[in-house]
Amino acid sequence: MKIIQLKNGDTVQLREAVKEDATELVAYLLKIGGESDFLTFGSGEFSVSVSDEQAMLEESRTAKNKIMLLALVGNKVIGCLYFEGGARPRIQHTGEFGVSVLKDYWDKGIGTEMVKELIQWAKVSNIIRKLNLRVRSDNDRAMSVYERLGFIQEGLITREFFISGEFNNFIYMGLSID
């Protein structure tokens, strides 16, 4: 667990999610889908029940190569990072993550701190040796953050998103954990 003090006085707690967070997490995911076109789902496109989310959270807590991190102000989820490693032995050392933060909390370093926590978790896991992510090619702010944290661009995936009649490309980025 980590505590971040924001300039506005809010205290943000970063911690691993537990099944009791499922209701608040589902509400967060329903809201966040309408706040950014950089996510893989939009407004009204996220459909997971609280019981399914509870099961997923339990699974991520028991797996050695999965983690769900939450950023909370009080009991309110304001940010989320989910990493899932490979299911088979040959690929269990690598996986992909996604991170999001409520729009009211953008540009406060919360997403960066969650990624730093993921990197630290990976280093002590003795399993994870590679972190991967996909970021929209026009999301310069996010790419800048990932590059500052040591991620490198590894490839381009064209036409990965289709939003409002337009295709968008993704940049594939990775960080080796040694």
Protein backbone atom coordinates (compact mmCIF):
# COMPACT_ATOMS: atom_id res chain seq x y z
CA MET A 1 0.00 0.00 0.00
CA LYS A 2 1.18 3.50 -0.84
CA ILE A 3 -0.22 6.91 0.11
CA ILE A 4 0.00 9.91 -2.22
CA GLN A 5 -0.75 13.44 -1.04
CA LEU A 6 -2.20 15.61 -3.80
CA LYS A 7 -1.70 19.38 -3.98
CA ASN A 8 -5.43 19.94 -3.36
CA GLY A 9 -5.14 18.11 -0.03
CA ASP A 10 -6.72 14.82 -1.15
CA THR A 11 -5.01 11.69 0.06
CA VAL A 12 -4.88 8.88 -2.50
CA GLN A 13 -4.33 5.31 -1.40
CA LEU A 14 -2.80 2.83 -3.85
CA ARG A 15 -3.44 -0.80 -3.00
CA GLU A 16 -4.26 -4.18 -4.44
CA ALA A 17 -7.97 -4.72 -5.05
CA VAL A 18 -9.99 -7.20 -2.99
CA LYS A 19 -13.35 -8.76 -3.81
CA GLU A 20 -15.12 -6.29 -1.52
CA ASP A 21 -14.10 -3.55 -4.00
CA ALA A 22 -16.19 -5.08 -6.80
CA THR A 23 -19.26 -2.85 -6.49
CA GLU A 24 -17.25 0.38 -6.42
CA LEU A 25 -14.97 -0.90 -9.20
CA VAL A 26 -17.88 -1.72 -11.53
CA ALA A 27 -19.32 1.77 -10.92
CA TYR A 28 -15.90 3.27 -11.71
CA LEU A 29 -15.59 1.28 -14.95
CA LEU A 30 -19.06 2.34 -16.06
CA LYS A 31 -18.11 5.99 -15.53
CA ILE A 32 -14.59 5.92 -16.98
CA GLY A 33 -15.82 4.49 -20.30
CA GLY A 34 -17.49 7.79 -21.07
CA GLU A 35 -14.55 9.99 -20.10
CA SER A 36 -11.88 9.05 -22.63
CA ASP A 37 -11.59 7.75 -26.18
CA PHE A 38 -8.21 6.24 -25.30
CA LEU A 39 -9.75 3.20 -23.57
CA THR A 40 -10.70 -0.09 -25.23
CA PHE A 41 -14.34 0.48 -24.25
CA GLY A 42 -16.63 3.47 -24.44
CA SER A 43 -19.71 4.72 -22.66
CA GLY A 44 -22.17 1.89 -22.06
CA GLU A 45 -19.82 -0.77 -23.48
CA PHE A 46 -18.61 -2.27 -20.19
CA SER A 47 -20.84 -5.06 -18.97
CA VAL A 48 -19.54 -7.08 -16.04
CA SER A 49 -21.68 -7.98 -13.07
CA VAL A 50 -20.52 -7.35 -9.53
CA SER A 51 -20.36 -11.12 -8.90
CA ASP A 52 -18.22 -11.65 -12.03
CA GLU A 53 -15.94 -8.81 -10.93
CA GLN A 54 -15.65 -10.37 -7.45
CA ALA A 55 -14.57 -13.67 -9.01
CA MET A 56 -12.01 -11.91 -11.23
CA LEU A 57 -10.60 -10.01 -8.24
CA GLU A 58 -10.26 -13.22 -6.23
CA GLU A 59 -8.49 -14.89 -9.14
CA SER A 60 -6.06 -12.01 -9.56
CA ARG A 61 -5.19 -12.08 -5.85
CA THR A 62 -4.36 -15.79 -5.92
CA ALA A 63 -2.49 -15.81 -9.26
CA LYS A 64 1.22 -15.12 -9.18
CA ASN A 65 1.26 -13.19 -12.44
CA LYS A 66 -1.86 -11.01 -12.19
CA ILE A 67 -2.60 -7.90 -10.18
CA MET A 68 -5.34 -5.28 -9.94
CA LEU A 69 -4.23 -2.02 -8.34
CA LEU A 70 -6.69 0.63 -7.26
CA ALA A 71 -6.26 4.31 -6.51
CA LEU A 72 -8.80 5.43 -3.91
CA VAL A 73 -9.88 8.68 -2.31
CA GLY A 74 -11.68 7.47 0.77
CA ASN A 75 -13.65 4.48 -0.50
CA LYS A 76 -14.10 5.92 -4.00
CA VAL A 77 -12.12 4.28 -6.83
CA ILE A 78 -10.49 7.03 -8.89
CA GLY A 79 -7.95 4.90 -10.76
CA CYS A 80 -7.33 1.32 -11.78
CA LEU A 81 -4.48 -0.73 -13.22
CA TYR A 82 -4.87 -4.36 -14.25
CA PHE A 83 -1.99 -6.61 -15.32
CA GLU A 84 -2.43 -10.15 -16.55
CA GLY A 85 0.45 -12.47 -17.32
CA GLY A 86 0.42 -15.40 -19.69
CA ALA A 87 -1.52 -18.54 -18.77
CA ARG A 88 1.00 -21.11 -20.01
CA PRO A 89 4.53 -21.73 -18.66
CA ARG A 90 6.29 -20.42 -21.78
CA ILE A 91 4.56 -17.05 -21.54
CA GLN A 92 3.77 -16.65 -17.84
CA HIS A 93 6.72 -14.25 -17.46
CA THR A 94 5.12 -11.62 -19.69
CA GLY A 95 1.77 -9.91 -19.90
CA GLU A 96 -0.14 -6.75 -20.68
CA PHE A 97 -1.64 -4.04 -18.54
CA GLY A 98 -4.07 -1.19 -18.85
CA VAL A 99 -4.41 1.83 -16.60
CA SER A 100 -7.09 4.49 -16.22
CA VAL A 101 -7.85 7.45 -13.97
CA LEU A 102 -11.06 9.45 -13.56
CA LYS A 103 -10.92 12.68 -15.56
CA ASP A 104 -11.22 14.81 -12.39
CA TYR A 105 -7.86 13.35 -11.30
CA TRP A 106 -5.90 13.60 -14.57
CA ASP A 107 -2.49 15.32 -14.53
CA LYS A 108 -1.90 14.63 -10.84
CA GLY A 109 0.61 11.78 -11.28
CA ILE A 110 -1.77 9.04 -10.11
CA GLY A 111 -1.44 6.90 -13.25
CA THR A 112 2.33 7.27 -13.14
CA GLU A 113 2.41 6.13 -9.51
CA MET A 114 0.26 3.10 -10.31
CA VAL A 115 2.63 2.08 -13.12
CA LYS A 116 5.61 2.54 -10.77
CA GLU A 117 3.87 0.23 -8.27
CA LEU A 118 3.35 -2.34 -11.04
CA ILE A 119 7.04 -2.18 -11.98
CA GLN A 120 8.03 -2.67 -8.33
CA TRP A 121 5.62 -5.61 -7.97
CA ALA A 122 7.03 -7.20 -11.14
CA LYS A 123 10.61 -6.85 -9.89
CA VAL A 124 9.88 -8.72 -6.65
CA SER A 125 7.56 -11.30 -8.26
CA ASN A 126 10.42 -13.50 -9.49
CA ILE A 127 8.06 -14.39 -12.35
CA ILE A 128 7.35 -11.29 -14.43
CA ARG A 129 10.19 -10.34 -16.77
CA LYS A 130 8.32 -8.21 -19.32
CA LEU A 131 5.52 -5.64 -19.05
CA ASN A 132 3.62 -4.78 -22.22
CA LEU A 133 0.96 -2.25 -23.11
CA ARG A 134 -0.82 -0.79 -26.10
CA VAL A 135 -1.35 2.95 -26.30
CA ARG A 136 -3.15 4.92 -28.98
CA SER A 137 -0.60 6.52 -31.29
CA ASP A 138 -2.09 9.99 -30.72
CA ASN A 139 -1.94 9.74 -26.92
CA ASP A 140 1.30 11.72 -26.57
CA ARG A 141 0.86 12.39 -22.83
CA ALA A 142 0.62 8.69 -22.00
CA MET A 143 3.51 7.71 -24.28
CA SER A 144 5.67 10.37 -22.64
CA VAL A 145 4.91 8.95 -19.18
CA TYR A 146 5.68 5.39 -20.26
CA GLU A 147 8.95 6.43 -21.91
CA ARG A 148 10.02 8.32 -18.75
CA LEU A 149 9.44 5.06 -16.84
CA GLY A 150 11.67 3.12 -19.24
CA PHE A 151 9.18 1.62 -21.69
CA ILE A 152 10.27 1.48 -25.32
CA GLN A 153 8.20 1.47 -28.49
CA GLU A 154 8.26 -1.98 -30.02
CA GLY A 155 5.75 -1.83 -32.83
CA LEU A 156 2.76 -0.29 -34.53
CA ILE A 157 -0.65 -1.92 -34.75
CA THR A 158 -2.73 -0.24 -37.44
CA ARG A 159 -6.50 0.24 -37.43
CA GLU A 160 -6.84 -1.21 -33.92
CA PHE A 161 -9.58 1.21 -32.79
CA PHE A 162 -12.65 2.32 -34.70
CA ILE A 163 -14.26 5.33 -33.03
CA SER A 164 -16.73 7.78 -34.57
CA GLY A 165 -16.06 6.52 -38.09
CA GLU A 166 -12.27 6.75 -37.83
CA PHE A 167 -9.56 4.14 -37.40
CA ASN A 168 -6.81 4.73 -34.84
CA ASN A 169 -3.44 3.04 -34.53
CA PHE A 170 -1.78 1.64 -31.43
CA ILE A 171 1.85 1.74 -30.40
CA TYR A 172 3.00 -1.44 -28.69
CA MET A 173 5.36 -0.64 -25.80
CA GLY A 174 7.33 -2.85 -23.45
CA LEU A 175 9.59 -2.81 -20.42
CA SER A 176 12.02 -5.62 -19.63
CA ILE A 177 12.31 -6.47 -15.94
CA ASP A 178 15.83 -7.64 -15.09
